[in-house]
């Protein structure tokens, strides 16, 4: 690796790094090769084990990072926003667009327009602040079919037409695309390549389309060990993305898939109302007997001590403390509404489960029913949630529809 001394003259040497460097020199590997090739490929070419290579790459990445804060990092003390390019969509997102410094998830079925919104954001981030951008580049990480460059150029054409004075800023080459063929490549890109790109290429938006694809394929078995491993990998991935967002002031936009939600057949609207009534009456009786009703209700051992009628209802009909019940508040699909409207068969839930839900800051659900599409913010620290907006996908991009 003869170019390392030119790229990083202050690289620190120790027994491990000197040993790895001798192997990389023998394999004619450059610094670029180390940052782009997978660990398995590096192991085959150098004859070294993956553990030592990972330790070496961690050291290399730390050495390549800027030693002092750059003006870019200093300018991200305040919250910034990236417009979606549509006034109505921005209004649903709080009036200013997508917030930087956090992970925003766009979840929905196929053909709802998740990729369209991500590509649209990859272009609007290049706009000047007066038009809702932050004048920075974007990274588009694709785990499925790759970036649709023809559609991206079509969106770019209409955006330039809309903002003729921004033509010099709006360029397709400002959207850096990385395609990940499997989970190993995806993790390598996020762990090693992405931090380097963000800090050296003035990246303002990271678009990941989609987060669930490889995790669902690689961890298809629903055994406890597989789910535990997937959960750990998701947490590590989210931690890297969140740190980049907060340190560098960029926005993280992640597309997520959905899966069918199977609920118990005996969960019905009538059961929900009955259980709520029983809880209310039980707590009212307890309040007249003790100062702290929860002391009686939950007891010293945290066992629920409600009336016998409610206990029977809870065990045989409805468990309001169950994840299936509670998910209606954060998944974006309310089984209670679906049951009352006769659409329980259309009930969905975001992929990757509760662990990933706790990793994202904002969840935005996109739905499609026949030819009608809707967007809704399910939870967010920046936006008033619950607003639903109809939208359409046009030649110029995703546009909100306001009916009189």
Protein backbone atom coordinates (compact mmCIF):
# COMPACT_ATOMS: atom_id res chain seq x y z
CA UNK A 1 0.00 0.00 0.00
CA UNK A 2 2.57 2.47 -1.20
CA UNK A 3 0.15 5.42 -1.37
CA UNK A 4 -0.65 5.46 2.37
CA UNK A 5 2.39 7.54 3.24
CA UNK A 6 1.19 10.21 0.80
CA UNK A 7 -2.48 10.10 1.85
CA UNK A 8 -1.85 9.94 5.58
CA UNK A 9 1.75 10.85 6.49
CA UNK A 10 0.95 10.80 10.23
CA UNK A 11 -0.34 7.22 10.22
CA UNK A 12 0.61 5.56 13.51
CA UNK A 13 2.49 2.27 13.25
CA UNK A 14 2.42 -0.63 15.68
CA UNK A 15 2.94 -4.38 15.50
CA UNK A 16 -0.54 -5.04 14.06
CA UNK A 17 -0.53 -2.25 11.48
CA UNK A 18 3.00 -3.06 10.30
CA UNK A 19 2.07 -6.71 9.88
CA UNK A 20 -1.10 -5.87 7.92
CA UNK A 21 0.73 -3.29 5.80
CA UNK A 22 3.30 -5.84 4.73
CA UNK A 23 0.49 -8.15 3.60
CA UNK A 24 -1.33 -5.38 1.71
CA UNK A 25 1.92 -4.36 0.00
CA UNK A 26 2.49 -7.93 -1.10
CA UNK A 27 -1.08 -8.01 -2.52
CA UNK A 28 -0.63 -4.63 -4.26
CA UNK A 29 -3.59 -3.12 -2.44
CA UNK A 30 -4.11 0.65 -2.32
CA UNK A 31 -5.83 2.69 0.35
CA UNK A 32 -8.83 2.95 -1.98
CA UNK A 33 -8.97 -0.86 -2.16
CA UNK A 34 -9.06 -1.12 1.63
CA UNK A 35 -11.96 1.30 1.83
CA UNK A 36 -14.03 -0.26 -0.96
CA UNK A 37 -13.42 -4.02 -0.88
CA UNK A 38 -15.35 -6.27 1.51
CA UNK A 39 -13.63 -7.93 4.45
CA UNK A 40 -13.85 -11.36 2.81
CA UNK A 41 -12.23 -10.06 -0.36
CA UNK A 42 -9.43 -8.43 1.63
CA UNK A 43 -8.93 -11.63 3.64
CA UNK A 44 -8.56 -13.69 0.47
CA UNK A 45 -6.08 -11.31 -1.14
CA UNK A 46 -3.94 -10.75 1.95
CA UNK A 47 -4.25 -14.12 3.66
CA UNK A 48 -5.10 -12.39 6.95
CA UNK A 49 -8.04 -13.12 9.24
CA UNK A 50 -11.12 -10.91 9.27
CA UNK A 51 -10.72 -9.86 12.93
CA UNK A 52 -7.25 -8.36 12.40
CA UNK A 53 -8.37 -6.67 9.19
CA UNK A 54 -11.37 -5.09 10.94
CA UNK A 55 -9.11 -3.75 13.73
CA UNK A 56 -6.71 -2.37 11.14
CA UNK A 57 -9.52 -0.71 9.19
CA UNK A 58 -10.83 0.90 12.37
CA UNK A 59 -7.39 2.40 12.99
CA UNK A 60 -7.12 3.49 9.36
CA UNK A 61 -10.52 5.21 9.44
CA UNK A 62 -9.63 7.12 12.62
CA UNK A 63 -6.38 8.29 11.05
CA UNK A 64 -8.12 9.44 7.87
CA UNK A 65 -10.74 11.50 9.70
CA UNK A 66 -10.13 15.28 9.95
CA UNK A 67 -8.25 15.86 13.24
CA UNK A 68 -10.07 19.11 14.04
CA UNK A 69 -13.67 20.25 13.48
CA UNK A 70 -14.22 21.73 10.04
CA UNK A 71 -16.44 24.75 9.32
CA UNK A 72 -19.04 22.25 8.11
CA UNK A 73 -19.23 20.64 11.56
CA UNK A 74 -19.28 24.00 13.33
CA UNK A 75 -22.20 25.17 11.19
CA UNK A 76 -24.49 22.34 12.32
CA UNK A 77 -25.12 23.56 15.86
CA UNK A 78 -28.60 24.65 14.82
CA UNK A 79 -31.33 22.50 13.30
CA UNK A 80 -31.61 22.62 9.52
CA UNK A 81 -34.34 21.37 7.23
CA UNK A 82 -34.48 20.04 3.67
CA UNK A 83 -37.57 20.80 1.63
CA UNK A 84 -39.30 17.95 -0.20
CA UNK A 85 -39.89 20.28 -3.12
CA UNK A 86 -43.62 20.51 -2.44
CA UNK A 87 -45.29 23.01 -0.13
CA UNK A 88 -48.07 20.64 1.00
CA UNK A 89 -45.66 17.82 1.81
CA UNK A 90 -43.47 20.23 3.74
CA UNK A 91 -46.53 21.37 5.67
CA UNK A 92 -47.20 17.80 6.84
CA UNK A 93 -43.55 17.61 7.94
CA UNK A 94 -43.90 20.68 10.11
CA UNK A 95 -43.76 23.36 7.41
CA UNK A 96 -40.04 23.21 6.65
CA UNK A 97 -39.36 19.71 5.37
CA UNK A 98 -37.04 16.95 6.53
CA UNK A 99 -35.04 17.66 9.69
CA UNK A 100 -31.29 17.09 9.79
CA UNK A 101 -29.53 15.43 12.69
CA UNK A 102 -31.89 12.46 12.97
CA UNK A 103 -33.12 9.29 11.25
CA UNK A 104 -36.40 9.63 9.34
CA UNK A 105 -38.13 6.48 8.11
CA UNK A 106 -40.46 6.34 5.11
CA UNK A 107 -42.41 3.10 5.32
CA UNK A 108 -44.97 1.65 2.96
CA UNK A 109 -45.77 -1.04 0.44
CA UNK A 110 -44.26 -1.33 -3.01
CA UNK A 111 -45.30 1.36 -5.53
CA UNK A 112 -46.34 3.93 -2.89
CA UNK A 113 -43.47 6.25 -3.87
CA UNK A 114 -40.78 5.79 -1.19
CA UNK A 115 -37.93 5.80 -3.72
CA UNK A 116 -39.44 8.84 -5.47
CA UNK A 117 -39.36 10.84 -2.25
CA UNK A 118 -35.77 9.80 -1.53
CA UNK A 119 -34.62 10.77 -5.03
CA UNK A 120 -36.51 14.05 -4.73
CA UNK A 121 -34.73 14.83 -1.46
CA UNK A 122 -31.37 13.97 -3.07
CA UNK A 123 -31.98 16.86 -5.45
CA UNK A 124 -33.63 19.43 -3.17
CA UNK A 125 -30.77 19.15 -0.66
CA UNK A 126 -28.61 20.84 -3.34
CA UNK A 127 -30.81 23.94 -3.42
CA UNK A 128 -29.81 27.14 -1.65
CA UNK A 129 -31.38 27.82 1.77
CA UNK A 130 -33.75 30.39 0.31
CA UNK A 131 -35.44 27.59 -1.68
CA UNK A 132 -35.42 25.02 1.12
CA UNK A 133 -32.09 23.26 0.59
CA UNK A 134 -28.75 23.35 2.37
CA UNK A 135 -26.52 23.41 -0.75
CA UNK A 136 -24.86 20.05 -0.11
CA UNK A 137 -24.55 16.69 -1.87
CA UNK A 138 -26.38 13.42 -1.26
CA UNK A 139 -25.49 9.74 -0.98
CA UNK A 140 -28.03 7.21 -2.28
CA UNK A 141 -27.43 3.69 -0.94
CA UNK A 142 -29.46 1.13 -2.83
CA UNK A 143 -29.96 -2.42 -1.58
CA UNK A 144 -32.41 -3.50 -4.26
CA UNK A 145 -32.46 -2.42 -7.91
CA UNK A 146 -30.02 0.48 -7.88
CA UNK A 147 -30.63 4.17 -8.53
CA UNK A 148 -33.11 4.90 -11.34
CA UNK A 149 -30.94 7.44 -13.13
CA UNK A 150 -33.49 8.06 -15.87
CA UNK A 151 -36.12 9.06 -13.31
CA UNK A 152 -33.56 11.09 -11.36
CA UNK A 153 -32.68 13.08 -14.48
CA UNK A 154 -36.38 13.65 -15.17
CA UNK A 155 -36.87 15.06 -11.66
CA UNK A 156 -33.72 17.14 -12.11
CA UNK A 157 -35.05 18.60 -15.37
CA UNK A 158 -38.30 19.75 -13.77
CA UNK A 159 -36.53 21.11 -10.69
CA UNK A 160 -34.15 23.17 -12.84
CA UNK A 161 -37.14 24.43 -14.80
CA UNK A 162 -38.80 25.46 -11.53
CA UNK A 163 -35.66 27.16 -10.16
CA UNK A 164 -33.75 28.51 -13.20
CA UNK A 165 -31.35 30.45 -10.97
CA UNK A 166 -30.31 27.18 -9.26
CA UNK A 167 -29.14 25.38 -12.42
CA UNK A 168 -25.49 25.74 -11.42
CA UNK A 169 -26.15 24.05 -8.06
CA UNK A 170 -28.43 21.23 -9.27
CA UNK A 171 -26.35 18.41 -10.75
CA UNK A 172 -26.91 14.68 -11.04
CA UNK A 173 -23.24 14.07 -10.20
CA UNK A 174 -23.94 15.55 -6.76
CA UNK A 175 -25.90 12.37 -6.01
CA UNK A 176 -23.35 9.69 -5.15
CA UNK A 177 -24.79 6.20 -5.58
CA UNK A 178 -23.63 3.02 -3.85
CA UNK A 179 -25.25 -0.35 -4.61
CA UNK A 180 -25.07 -3.08 -1.95
CA UNK A 181 -25.57 -6.61 -3.22
CA UNK A 182 -25.81 -8.29 0.17
CA UNK A 183 -25.83 -7.56 3.89
CA UNK A 184 -22.06 -7.89 4.27
CA UNK A 185 -21.41 -5.22 1.64
CA UNK A 186 -24.10 -3.01 3.17
CA UNK A 187 -22.52 -3.17 6.62
CA UNK A 188 -19.05 -2.52 5.17
CA UNK A 189 -20.31 0.53 3.28
CA UNK A 190 -22.11 1.99 6.29
CA UNK A 191 -19.26 1.29 8.70
CA UNK A 192 -16.27 2.38 6.60
CA UNK A 193 -17.11 4.12 3.31
CA UNK A 194 -20.04 6.25 4.42
CA UNK A 195 -18.31 8.12 7.30
CA UNK A 196 -15.40 8.98 5.00
CA UNK A 197 -17.73 10.22 2.24
CA UNK A 198 -19.84 12.34 4.60
CA UNK A 199 -16.84 14.07 6.10
CA UNK A 200 -14.96 14.69 2.87
CA UNK A 201 -17.65 15.24 0.20
CA UNK A 202 -19.95 17.79 1.91
CA UNK A 203 -22.81 15.30 2.21
CA UNK A 204 -26.09 16.71 3.51
CA UNK A 205 -28.40 13.73 2.96
CA UNK A 206 -27.98 9.97 3.27
CA UNK A 207 -30.78 8.03 1.54
CA UNK A 208 -30.94 4.29 2.29
CA UNK A 209 -33.33 2.35 0.04
CA UNK A 210 -34.19 0.10 1.72
CA UNK A 211 -33.03 -0.85 5.21
CA UNK A 212 -35.03 -4.08 5.42
CA UNK A 213 -34.16 -5.82 2.17
CA UNK A 214 -30.96 -7.65 3.15
CA UNK A 215 -31.85 -8.10 6.82
CA UNK A 216 -35.01 -9.96 5.86
CA UNK A 217 -33.12 -12.09 3.33
CA UNK A 218 -30.11 -12.92 5.51
CA UNK A 219 -32.11 -13.43 8.72
CA UNK A 220 -35.15 -15.12 7.24
CA UNK A 221 -35.33 -17.69 10.03
CA UNK A 222 -37.49 -16.50 12.90
CA UNK A 223 -35.55 -18.35 15.58
CA UNK A 224 -34.49 -16.58 18.76
CA UNK A 225 -30.78 -16.59 17.85
CA UNK A 226 -31.41 -15.14 14.38
CA UNK A 227 -33.66 -12.38 15.72
CA UNK A 228 -31.15 -11.56 18.46
CA UNK A 229 -28.33 -11.25 15.92
CA UNK A 230 -30.47 -9.14 13.59
CA UNK A 231 -31.40 -6.85 16.46
CA UNK A 232 -27.76 -6.28 17.39
CA UNK A 233 -26.83 -5.51 13.78
CA UNK A 234 -29.72 -3.06 13.43
CA UNK A 235 -28.72 -1.22 16.61
CA UNK A 236 -25.11 -0.89 15.41
CA UNK A 237 -26.25 0.32 11.98
CA UNK A 238 -28.59 2.91 13.51
CA UNK A 239 -25.88 4.10 15.90
CA UNK A 240 -23.47 4.80 13.03
CA UNK A 241 -26.13 6.65 11.04
CA UNK A 242 -27.30 8.65 14.06
CA UNK A 243 -23.75 9.68 14.96
CA UNK A 244 -23.12 10.86 11.40
CA UNK A 245 -26.38 12.81 11.44
CA UNK A 246 -25.62 14.62 14.70
CA UNK A 247 -21.90 15.19 14.15
CA UNK A 248 -22.08 16.32 10.52
CA UNK A 249 -25.54 17.90 10.47
CA UNK A 250 -26.89 15.71 7.70
CA UNK A 251 -30.32 14.14 7.30
CA UNK A 252 -30.86 10.37 7.22
CA UNK A 253 -33.82 9.25 5.08
CA UNK A 254 -34.48 5.51 5.23
CA UNK A 255 -37.05 3.54 3.25
CA UNK A 256 -38.56 0.53 5.00
CA UNK A 257 -40.78 -2.32 3.83
CA UNK A 258 -43.93 -3.67 5.46
CA UNK A 259 -45.27 -7.08 6.37
CA UNK A 260 -48.66 -8.52 7.15
CA UNK A 261 -49.88 -8.18 10.72
CA UNK A 262 -51.60 -11.24 12.12
CA UNK A 263 -53.90 -10.42 15.04
CA UNK A 264 -55.83 -12.72 17.30
CA UNK A 265 -59.24 -13.57 15.90
CA UNK A 266 -60.91 -12.70 19.19
CA UNK A 267 -59.64 -9.10 19.18
CA UNK A 268 -62.64 -7.02 18.16
CA UNK A 269 -63.94 -3.53 18.66
CA UNK A 270 -66.50 -4.79 21.15
CA UNK A 271 -63.78 -6.47 23.22
CA UNK A 272 -61.73 -3.26 23.17
CA UNK A 273 -64.64 -1.18 24.49
CA UNK A 274 -65.52 -3.78 27.11
CA UNK A 275 -61.95 -4.02 28.38
CA UNK A 276 -61.59 -0.23 28.53
CA UNK A 277 -64.83 0.03 30.52
CA UNK A 278 -63.72 -2.67 32.97
CA UNK A 279 -60.35 -0.94 33.52
CA UNK A 280 -62.04 2.42 34.11
CA UNK A 281 -64.54 1.03 36.61
CA UNK A 282 -61.91 -1.00 38.46
CA UNK A 283 -59.58 1.99 38.85
CA UNK A 284 -62.49 4.18 40.00
CA UNK A 285 -63.30 1.68 42.77
CA UNK A 286 -59.66 1.48 43.82
CA UNK A 287 -59.32 5.28 44.04
CA UNK A 288 -61.98 5.34 46.80
CA UNK A 289 -60.11 2.75 48.85
CA UNK A 290 -56.43 3.68 48.58
CA UNK A 291 -54.36 6.78 47.94
CA UNK A 292 -52.29 5.14 45.21
CA UNK A 293 -54.54 2.96 43.00
CA UNK A 294 -51.59 1.43 41.09
CA UNK A 295 -50.27 -0.06 44.31
CA UNK A 296 -53.42 -2.14 44.52
CA UNK A 297 -53.73 -2.77 40.80
CA UNK A 298 -50.19 -3.97 40.19
CA UNK A 299 -49.20 -5.12 43.70
CA UNK A 300 -45.70 -5.52 45.09
CA UNK A 301 -44.78 -8.17 42.52
CA UNK A 302 -46.04 -6.13 39.54
CA UNK A 303 -48.81 -8.67 38.93
CA UNK A 304 -51.97 -7.10 37.55
CA UNK A 305 -54.71 -7.36 40.15
CA UNK A 306 -57.87 -6.31 38.37
CA UNK A 307 -61.35 -7.66 38.76
CA UNK A 308 -62.09 -11.28 37.92
CA UNK A 309 -64.31 -10.17 35.05
CA UNK A 310 -61.50 -8.15 33.52
CA UNK A 311 -58.96 -10.91 34.13
CA UNK A 312 -61.10 -13.37 32.21
CA UNK A 313 -61.64 -10.83 29.42
CA UNK A 314 -57.92 -10.03 29.27
CA UNK A 315 -56.80 -13.64 29.12
CA UNK A 316 -59.38 -14.92 26.65
CA UNK A 317 -60.24 -11.92 24.52
CA UNK A 318 -57.86 -8.96 24.69
CA UNK A 319 -54.51 -8.03 26.20
CA UNK A 320 -54.11 -4.26 26.11
CA UNK A 321 -50.51 -4.61 27.29
CA UNK A 322 -49.64 -6.89 24.38
CA UNK A 323 -47.36 -5.61 21.60
CA UNK A 324 -50.02 -6.40 18.99
CA UNK A 325 -52.38 -4.03 20.76
CA UNK A 326 -49.83 -1.30 21.53
CA UNK A 327 -48.43 -1.27 17.98
CA UNK A 328 -51.48 0.66 16.79
CA UNK A 329 -49.93 3.75 18.40
CA UNK A 330 -46.57 3.65 16.57
CA UNK A 331 -46.82 1.35 13.53
CA UNK A 332 -49.02 3.55 11.36
CA UNK A 333 -51.69 0.87 10.96
CA UNK A 334 -54.49 0.84 13.53
CA UNK A 335 -56.14 -2.57 13.84
CA UNK A 336 -59.05 -0.99 15.73
CA UNK A 337 -59.86 1.30 12.79
CA UNK A 338 -59.30 -1.56 10.33
CA UNK A 339 -61.67 -3.79 12.30
CA UNK A 340 -64.42 -1.16 12.47
CA UNK A 341 -64.11 -0.40 8.73
CA UNK A 342 -64.06 -4.07 7.72
CA UNK A 343 -60.48 -3.88 6.37
CA UNK A 344 -58.74 -6.08 8.92
CA UNK A 345 -57.32 -8.18 6.05
CA UNK A 346 -55.34 -5.13 4.88
CA UNK A 347 -53.60 -4.64 8.23
CA UNK A 348 -49.82 -4.15 7.89
CA UNK A 349 -46.88 -3.35 10.13
CA UNK A 350 -43.38 -1.95 9.38
CA UNK A 351 -40.66 -4.55 8.91
CA UNK A 352 -37.79 -5.17 11.35
CA UNK A 353 -39.92 -5.03 14.47
CA UNK A 354 -39.83 -3.02 17.67
CA UNK A 355 -36.02 -2.77 17.84
CA UNK A 356 -35.82 -0.78 14.60
CA UNK A 357 -38.84 1.31 15.63
CA UNK A 358 -36.87 2.51 18.65
CA UNK A 359 -33.90 3.40 16.42
CA UNK A 360 -35.70 5.97 14.25
CA UNK A 361 -36.64 9.50 15.27
CA UNK A 362 -39.49 9.97 12.84
CA UNK A 363 -41.81 7.50 11.12
CA UNK A 364 -43.71 8.58 8.03
CA UNK A 365 -46.20 6.11 6.57
CA UNK A 366 -47.18 6.08 2.91
CA UNK A 367 -50.27 4.10 1.91
CA UNK A 368 -52.02 3.30 -1.33
CA UNK A 369 -55.59 2.17 -1.82
CA UNK A 370 -56.57 1.65 -5.46
CA UNK A 371 -55.45 4.96 -7.04
CA UNK A 372 -55.39 7.02 -3.84
CA UNK A 373 -52.14 7.61 -1.97
CA UNK A 374 -51.82 9.14 1.51
CA UNK A 375 -48.91 10.22 3.71
CA UNK A 376 -48.99 10.55 7.51
CA UNK A 377 -46.44 11.30 10.23
CA UNK A 378 -46.90 8.59 12.88
CA UNK A 379 -44.41 9.88 15.46
CA UNK A 380 -41.84 12.66 15.48
CA UNK A 381 -40.20 15.03 17.98
CA UNK A 382 -40.50 17.93 15.51
CA UNK A 383 -43.95 17.54 13.94
CA UNK A 384 -47.56 17.45 15.06
CA UNK A 385 -48.51 13.88 14.23
CA UNK A 386 -51.74 12.49 12.83
CA UNK A 387 -52.15 14.78 9.81
CA UNK A 388 -53.03 12.85 6.66
CA UNK A 389 -52.39 14.25 3.19
CA UNK A 390 -53.29 12.82 -0.21
CA UNK A 391 -50.49 12.93 -2.76
CA UNK A 392 -49.77 12.03 -6.35
CA UNK A 393 -46.68 10.96 -8.26
CA UNK A 394 -46.26 13.19 -11.30
CA UNK A 395 -43.55 13.77 -13.85
CA UNK A 396 -42.17 16.61 -11.71
CA UNK A 397 -42.15 14.43 -8.58
CA UNK A 398 -44.29 13.67 -5.53
CA UNK A 399 -46.90 16.37 -5.01
CA UNK A 400 -49.50 16.82 -2.29
CA UNK A 401 -53.17 17.14 -3.24
CA UNK A 402 -55.44 19.52 -1.38
CA UNK A 403 -59.17 18.96 -1.88
CA UNK A 404 -61.60 21.82 -1.40
